[in-house]
Amino acid sequence: TNIFPSRKTQKVFVSQEEILFVASEDRPLEAYNQKTGQLKSISLKSKNGQEINVNSFYQNKSGQVILCTNQGLYSCSTSTFNTQTIFPQLDSQFGISNVSGILQTDEKNWYITTINKGLFTIFPDGSIINSREDKFQKKALLHNSINTIYEDQNNTVWLGTSRGISGFNHIHQGFLGVSVSADLKHGLPSPS
């Protein structure tokens, strides 16, 4: 069956409640409740008057659905589909960020990846650290443009950047970078 009329689907996410979220190029953000058959358009309030694009979705263990957008972060209720901006302190301290991903660890730290501002860590007390590329530091982030974030079973957080993969164990802080190398024992293969 064709539930979504768009032919230009960009992102799809299924929540723990089996709600299908779809971000399309030619339609507003939509949610489909598979149990009830209800299709709902989701409204996001622009922070700067420009169009909002959803880069990714995330649902934490408590069930909160988070939308990572070109205008920061929004939460979305899976029952009412109401949205609100979250982490306003990030916008006020660092400006509106193009957020590519988010992750919450068991320690309740939030890791927020961006397209151009590196990695933000928000601690439970509200303090924020911005980890950025530093070519002169061996254990720094490889690049400020981060495309994806993932935490493995050993609590290592992996970041896919425009220059390679950065990994760090958030308990010990400090980055391990893996980038393109001619020697495949010490790096990633070159795309050329």
C-alpha atoms as a PDB file:
ATOM      1  CA  THR A   1       0.000   0.000   0.000  1.00  0.00           C
ATOM      2  CA  ASN A   2       1.095   3.550  -0.687  1.00  0.00           C
ATOM      3  CA  ILE A   3       0.665   5.416   2.614  1.00  0.00           C
ATOM      4  CA  PHE A   4       2.946   8.345   1.841  1.00  0.00           C
ATOM      5  CA  PRO A   5       2.258  10.295  -1.340  1.00  0.00           C
ATOM      6  CA  SER A   6       5.862  11.532  -1.622  1.00  0.00           C
ATOM      7  CA  ARG A   7       8.299  10.033  -4.101  1.00  0.00           C
ATOM      8  CA  LYS A   8      11.222  11.976  -2.609  1.00  0.00           C
ATOM      9  CA  THR A   9      11.626  10.276   0.785  1.00  0.00           C
ATOM     10  CA  GLN A  10      14.890  11.213   2.508  1.00  0.00           C
ATOM     11  CA  LYS A  11      14.790   9.747   6.038  1.00  0.00           C
ATOM     12  CA  VAL A  12      12.701   7.024   7.652  1.00  0.00           C
ATOM     13  CA  PHE A  13      12.569   6.041  11.329  1.00  0.00           C
ATOM     14  CA  VAL A  14      10.406   3.549  13.259  1.00  0.00           C
ATOM     15  CA  SER A  15       9.892   4.335  16.946  1.00  0.00           C
ATOM     16  CA  GLN A  16       9.597   1.792  19.763  1.00  0.00           C
ATOM     17  CA  GLU A  17       5.821   2.372  19.547  1.00  0.00           C
ATOM     18  CA  GLU A  18       5.951   1.315  15.864  1.00  0.00           C
ATOM     19  CA  ILE A  19       5.265   4.824  14.598  1.00  0.00           C
ATOM     20  CA  LEU A  20       6.809   5.430  11.208  1.00  0.00           C
ATOM     21  CA  PHE A  21       8.385   8.899  10.823  1.00  0.00           C
ATOM     22  CA  VAL A  22       9.107  10.034   7.264  1.00  0.00           C
ATOM     23  CA  ALA A  23      11.032  13.120   6.175  1.00  0.00           C
ATOM     24  CA  SER A  24      10.565  13.950   2.492  1.00  0.00           C
ATOM     25  CA  GLU A  25      11.974  16.572   0.176  1.00  0.00           C
ATOM     26  CA  ASP A  26       8.559  17.615  -1.132  1.00  0.00           C
ATOM     27  CA  ARG A  27       6.299  17.157   1.934  1.00  0.00           C
ATOM     28  CA  PRO A  28       6.302  18.129   5.608  1.00  0.00           C
ATOM     29  CA  LEU A  29       7.528  15.681   8.230  1.00  0.00           C
ATOM     30  CA  GLU A  30       4.895  12.974   8.690  1.00  0.00           C
ATOM     31  CA  ALA A  31       4.181  10.181  11.149  1.00  0.00           C
ATOM     32  CA  TYR A  32       2.150   7.053  10.496  1.00  0.00           C
ATOM     33  CA  ASN A  33       0.729   5.033  13.373  1.00  0.00           C
ATOM     34  CA  GLN A  34       0.733   1.462  12.079  1.00  0.00           C
ATOM     35  CA  LYS A  35      -1.727   0.299  14.768  1.00  0.00           C
ATOM     36  CA  THR A  36      -4.426   2.920  14.112  1.00  0.00           C
ATOM     37  CA  GLY A  37      -3.709   3.716  10.465  1.00  0.00           C
ATOM     38  CA  GLN A  38      -3.506   7.438  11.313  1.00  0.00           C
ATOM     39  CA  LEU A  39      -1.220   9.640   9.181  1.00  0.00           C
ATOM     40  CA  LYS A  40      -0.252  12.920  10.837  1.00  0.00           C
ATOM     41  CA  SER A  41       1.722  15.906   9.586  1.00  0.00           C
ATOM     42  CA  ILE A  42       4.267  17.150  12.143  1.00  0.00           C
ATOM     43  CA  SER A  43       4.909  20.851  12.548  1.00  0.00           C
ATOM     44  CA  LEU A  44       8.366  22.209  13.417  1.00  0.00           C
ATOM     45  CA  LYS A  45       8.795  25.888  14.290  1.00  0.00           C
ATOM     46  CA  SER A  46      11.723  27.437  12.427  1.00  0.00           C
ATOM     47  CA  LYS A  47      14.343  29.184  14.570  1.00  0.00           C
ATOM     48  CA  ASN A  48      15.588  31.446  11.767  1.00  0.00           C
ATOM     49  CA  GLY A  49      12.728  31.674   9.257  1.00  0.00           C
ATOM     50  CA  GLN A  50      14.251  29.117   6.879  1.00  0.00           C
ATOM     51  CA  GLU A  51      13.030  25.648   5.956  1.00  0.00           C
ATOM     52  CA  ILE A  52      13.799  22.881   8.437  1.00  0.00           C
ATOM     53  CA  ASN A  53      15.425  19.685   7.149  1.00  0.00           C
ATOM     54  CA  VAL A  54      15.539  16.545   9.282  1.00  0.00           C
ATOM     55  CA  ASN A  55      18.994  14.947   9.216  1.00  0.00           C
ATOM     56  CA  SER A  56      18.286  11.987  11.509  1.00  0.00           C
ATOM     57  CA  PHE A  57      16.048  10.600  14.241  1.00  0.00           C
ATOM     58  CA  TYR A  58      16.865   9.146  17.665  1.00  0.00           C
ATOM     59  CA  GLN A  59      14.850   7.563  20.454  1.00  0.00           C
ATOM     60  CA  ASN A  60      16.384   7.270  23.903  1.00  0.00           C
ATOM     61  CA  LYS A  61      15.638   4.548  26.457  1.00  0.00           C
ATOM     62  CA  SER A  62      12.880   6.619  28.068  1.00  0.00           C
ATOM     63  CA  GLY A  63      11.055   6.779  24.717  1.00  0.00           C
ATOM     64  CA  GLN A  64      11.736  10.400  23.776  1.00  0.00           C
ATOM     65  CA  VAL A  65      11.948  10.812  19.976  1.00  0.00           C
ATOM     66  CA  ILE A  66      14.491  13.448  18.958  1.00  0.00           C
ATOM     67  CA  LEU A  67      14.701  15.087  15.556  1.00  0.00           C
ATOM     68  CA  CYS A  68      18.191  16.210  14.508  1.00  0.00           C
ATOM     69  CA  THR A  69      17.790  19.081  12.054  1.00  0.00           C
ATOM     70  CA  ASN A  70      19.629  21.839  10.267  1.00  0.00           C
ATOM     71  CA  GLN A  71      18.209  24.123  12.982  1.00  0.00           C
ATOM     72  CA  GLY A  72      19.173  22.162  16.066  1.00  0.00           C
ATOM     73  CA  LEU A  73      17.228  19.620  18.072  1.00  0.00           C
ATOM     74  CA  TYR A  74      13.506  19.049  18.570  1.00  0.00           C
ATOM     75  CA  SER A  75      11.635  16.454  20.614  1.00  0.00           C
ATOM     76  CA  CYS A  76       8.425  14.894  19.328  1.00  0.00           C
ATOM     77  CA  SER A  77       5.722  13.214  21.371  1.00  0.00           C
ATOM     78  CA  THR A  78       4.699   9.834  19.949  1.00  0.00           C
ATOM     79  CA  SER A  79       1.178  10.261  21.317  1.00  0.00           C
ATOM     80  CA  THR A  80       0.289  13.844  20.316  1.00  0.00           C
ATOM     81  CA  PHE A  81       3.039  14.500  17.695  1.00  0.00           C
ATOM     82  CA  ASN A  82       3.616  17.900  19.308  1.00  0.00           C
ATOM     83  CA  THR A  83       7.175  19.156  18.976  1.00  0.00           C
ATOM     84  CA  GLN A  84       9.364  21.478  20.983  1.00  0.00           C
ATOM     85  CA  THR A  85      12.932  22.659  20.773  1.00  0.00           C
ATOM     86  CA  ILE A  86      15.336  21.037  23.222  1.00  0.00           C
ATOM     87  CA  PHE A  87      18.738  22.009  24.583  1.00  0.00           C
ATOM     88  CA  PRO A  88      18.167  25.773  24.219  1.00  0.00           C
ATOM     89  CA  GLN A  89      21.465  26.365  26.056  1.00  0.00           C
ATOM     90  CA  LEU A  90      23.273  24.851  23.058  1.00  0.00           C
ATOM     91  CA  ASP A  91      21.698  27.405  20.693  1.00  0.00           C
ATOM     92  CA  SER A  92      22.269  30.327  23.068  1.00  0.00           C
ATOM     93  CA  GLN A  93      25.947  29.501  23.708  1.00  0.00           C
ATOM     94  CA  PHE A  94      27.042  28.263  20.276  1.00  0.00           C
ATOM     95  CA  GLY A  95      24.406  29.456  17.793  1.00  0.00           C
ATOM     96  CA  ILE A  96      22.008  27.297  15.802  1.00  0.00           C
ATOM     97  CA  SER A  97      23.774  24.085  14.800  1.00  0.00           C
ATOM     98  CA  ASN A  98      23.235  21.769  11.852  1.00  0.00           C
ATOM     99  CA  VAL A  99      22.843  18.595  13.928  1.00  0.00           C
ATOM    100  CA  SER A 100      23.591  15.270  12.250  1.00  0.00           C
ATOM    101  CA  GLY A 101      23.043  12.926  15.198  1.00  0.00           C
ATOM    102  CA  ILE A 102      22.585  12.475  18.924  1.00  0.00           C
ATOM    103  CA  LEU A 103      23.252   9.760  21.480  1.00  0.00           C
ATOM    104  CA  GLN A 104      22.545   9.436  25.202  1.00  0.00           C
ATOM    105  CA  THR A 105      24.818   7.175  27.261  1.00  0.00           C
ATOM    106  CA  ASP A 106      23.980   5.207  30.383  1.00  0.00           C
ATOM    107  CA  GLU A 107      25.723   7.966  32.362  1.00  0.00           C
ATOM    108  CA  LYS A 108      23.029  10.367  31.034  1.00  0.00           C
ATOM    109  CA  ASN A 109      25.555  12.335  28.968  1.00  0.00           C
ATOM    110  CA  TRP A 110      24.261  13.610  25.639  1.00  0.00           C
ATOM    111  CA  TYR A 111      26.587  13.543  22.605  1.00  0.00           C
ATOM    112  CA  ILE A 112      25.468  15.791  19.768  1.00  0.00           C
ATOM    113  CA  THR A 113      27.201  15.623  16.386  1.00  0.00           C
ATOM    114  CA  THR A 114      27.127  18.482  13.915  1.00  0.00           C
ATOM    115  CA  ILE A 115      27.887  19.078  10.261  1.00  0.00           C
ATOM    116  CA  ASN A 116      30.311  21.927  10.960  1.00  0.00           C
ATOM    117  CA  LYS A 117      30.861  22.510  14.693  1.00  0.00           C
ATOM    118  CA  GLY A 118      32.275  19.174  15.872  1.00  0.00           C
ATOM    119  CA  LEU A 119      30.923  17.244  18.843  1.00  0.00           C
ATOM    120  CA  PHE A 120      29.016  18.684  21.786  1.00  0.00           C
ATOM    121  CA  THR A 121      28.808  16.863  25.098  1.00  0.00           C
ATOM    122  CA  ILE A 122      26.059  17.936  27.480  1.00  0.00           C
ATOM    123  CA  PHE A 123      26.486  16.577  31.002  1.00  0.00           C
ATOM    124  CA  PRO A 124      23.633  15.937  33.474  1.00  0.00           C
ATOM    125  CA  ASP A 125      24.485  19.188  35.315  1.00  0.00           C
ATOM    126  CA  GLY A 126      23.908  21.146  32.054  1.00  0.00           C
ATOM    127  CA  SER A 127      27.568  21.944  31.360  1.00  0.00           C
ATOM    128  CA  ILE A 128      28.668  21.707  27.731  1.00  0.00           C
ATOM    129  CA  ILE A 129      31.991  20.775  26.118  1.00  0.00           C
ATOM    130  CA  ASN A 130      32.594  21.386  22.407  1.00  0.00           C
ATOM    131  CA  SER A 131      35.187  18.957  20.981  1.00  0.00           C
ATOM    132  CA  ARG A 132      36.613  20.217  17.704  1.00  0.00           C
ATOM    133  CA  GLU A 133      39.207  19.266  15.143  1.00  0.00           C
ATOM    134  CA  ASP A 134      42.782  20.134  16.134  1.00  0.00           C
ATOM    135  CA  LYS A 135      45.410  19.110  13.592  1.00  0.00           C
ATOM    136  CA  PHE A 136      48.187  19.626  16.137  1.00  0.00           C
ATOM    137  CA  GLN A 137      46.756  17.299  18.800  1.00  0.00           C
ATOM    138  CA  LYS A 138      47.140  13.549  18.323  1.00  0.00           C
ATOM    139  CA  LYS A 139      44.052  12.643  20.386  1.00  0.00           C
ATOM    140  CA  ALA A 140      41.661  15.216  18.933  1.00  0.00           C
ATOM    141  CA  LEU A 141      38.604  14.860  16.727  1.00  0.00           C
ATOM    142  CA  LEU A 142      39.594  14.177  13.080  1.00  0.00           C
ATOM    143  CA  HIS A 143      37.167  16.684  11.540  1.00  0.00           C
ATOM    144  CA  ASN A 144      34.394  19.086  12.593  1.00  0.00           C
ATOM    145  CA  SER A 145      31.946  17.685  10.024  1.00  0.00           C
ATOM    146  CA  ILE A 146      30.466  14.567  11.650  1.00  0.00           C
ATOM    147  CA  ASN A 147      28.028  12.459   9.652  1.00  0.00           C
ATOM    148  CA  THR A 148      27.086   9.715  12.107  1.00  0.00           C
ATOM    149  CA  ILE A 149      27.419   8.552  15.723  1.00  0.00           C
ATOM    150  CA  TYR A 150      27.279   5.064  17.237  1.00  0.00           C
ATOM    151  CA  GLU A 151      28.052   3.538  20.663  1.00  0.00           C
ATOM    152  CA  ASP A 152      29.334  -0.047  20.689  1.00  0.00           C
ATOM    153  CA  GLN A 153      28.973  -2.679  23.438  1.00  0.00           C
ATOM    154  CA  ASN A 154      32.309  -1.581  24.983  1.00  0.00           C
ATOM    155  CA  ASN A 155      30.990   1.981  25.492  1.00  0.00           C
ATOM    156  CA  THR A 156      33.197   3.342  22.726  1.00  0.00           C
ATOM    157  CA  VAL A 157      31.458   6.139  20.845  1.00  0.00           C
ATOM    158  CA  TRP A 158      32.316   6.120  17.123  1.00  0.00           C
ATOM    159  CA  LEU A 159      32.004   9.213  14.950  1.00  0.00           C
ATOM    160  CA  GLY A 160      31.991   9.061  11.162  1.00  0.00           C
ATOM    161  CA  THR A 161      33.622  12.307  10.015  1.00  0.00           C
ATOM    162  CA  SER A 162      34.492  13.801   6.649  1.00  0.00           C
ATOM    163  CA  ARG A 163      38.113  12.816   7.253  1.00  0.00           C
ATOM    164  CA  GLY A 164      37.723   9.324   8.737  1.00  0.00           C
ATOM    165  CA  ILE A 165      36.484   7.607  11.866  1.00  0.00           C
ATOM    166  CA  SER A 166      37.039   8.994  15.354  1.00  0.00           C
ATOM    167  CA  GLY A 167      36.346   6.845  18.357  1.00  0.00           C
ATOM    168  CA  PHE A 168      36.495   7.595  22.062  1.00  0.00           C
ATOM    169  CA  ASN A 169      35.549   5.985  25.313  1.00  0.00           C
ATOM    170  CA  HIS A 170      33.545   8.671  27.095  1.00  0.00           C
ATOM    171  CA  ILE A 171      34.736   7.428  30.475  1.00  0.00           C
ATOM    172  CA  HIS A 172      38.388   8.083  29.568  1.00  0.00           C
ATOM    173  CA  GLN A 173      37.909  11.031  27.131  1.00  0.00           C
ATOM    174  CA  GLY A 174      40.332  11.356  24.253  1.00  0.00           C
ATOM    175  CA  PHE A 175      39.892  10.446  20.605  1.00  0.00           C
ATOM    176  CA  LEU A 176      41.372   7.670  18.511  1.00  0.00           C
ATOM    177  CA  GLY A 177      41.409   8.571  14.828  1.00  0.00           C
ATOM    178  CA  VAL A 178      41.370   6.201  11.877  1.00  0.00           C
ATOM    179  CA  SER A 179      41.743   7.851   8.490  1.00  0.00           C
ATOM    180  CA  VAL A 180      42.790   7.149   4.904  1.00  0.00           C
ATOM    181  CA  SER A 181      46.216   5.525   4.610  1.00  0.00           C
ATOM    182  CA  ALA A 182      48.224   3.789   1.915  1.00  0.00           C
ATOM    183  CA  ASP A 183      49.035   1.101   4.522  1.00  0.00           C
ATOM    184  CA  LEU A 184      45.752  -0.728   5.184  1.00  0.00           C
ATOM    185  CA  LYS A 185      47.131  -2.114   8.462  1.00  0.00           C
ATOM    186  CA  HIS A 186      47.133   1.453   9.826  1.00  0.00           C
ATOM    187  CA  GLY A 187      44.152   3.150   8.157  1.00  0.00           C
ATOM    188  CA  LEU A 188      41.211   3.045   5.800  1.00  0.00           C
ATOM    189  CA  PRO A 189      41.502   2.451   2.048  1.00  0.00           C
ATOM    190  CA  SER A 190      41.542   5.521  -0.167  1.00  0.00           C
ATOM    191  CA  PRO A 191      38.385   6.025  -2.283  1.00  0.00           C
ATOM    192  CA  SER A 192      40.548   6.489  -5.410  1.00  0.00           C
END
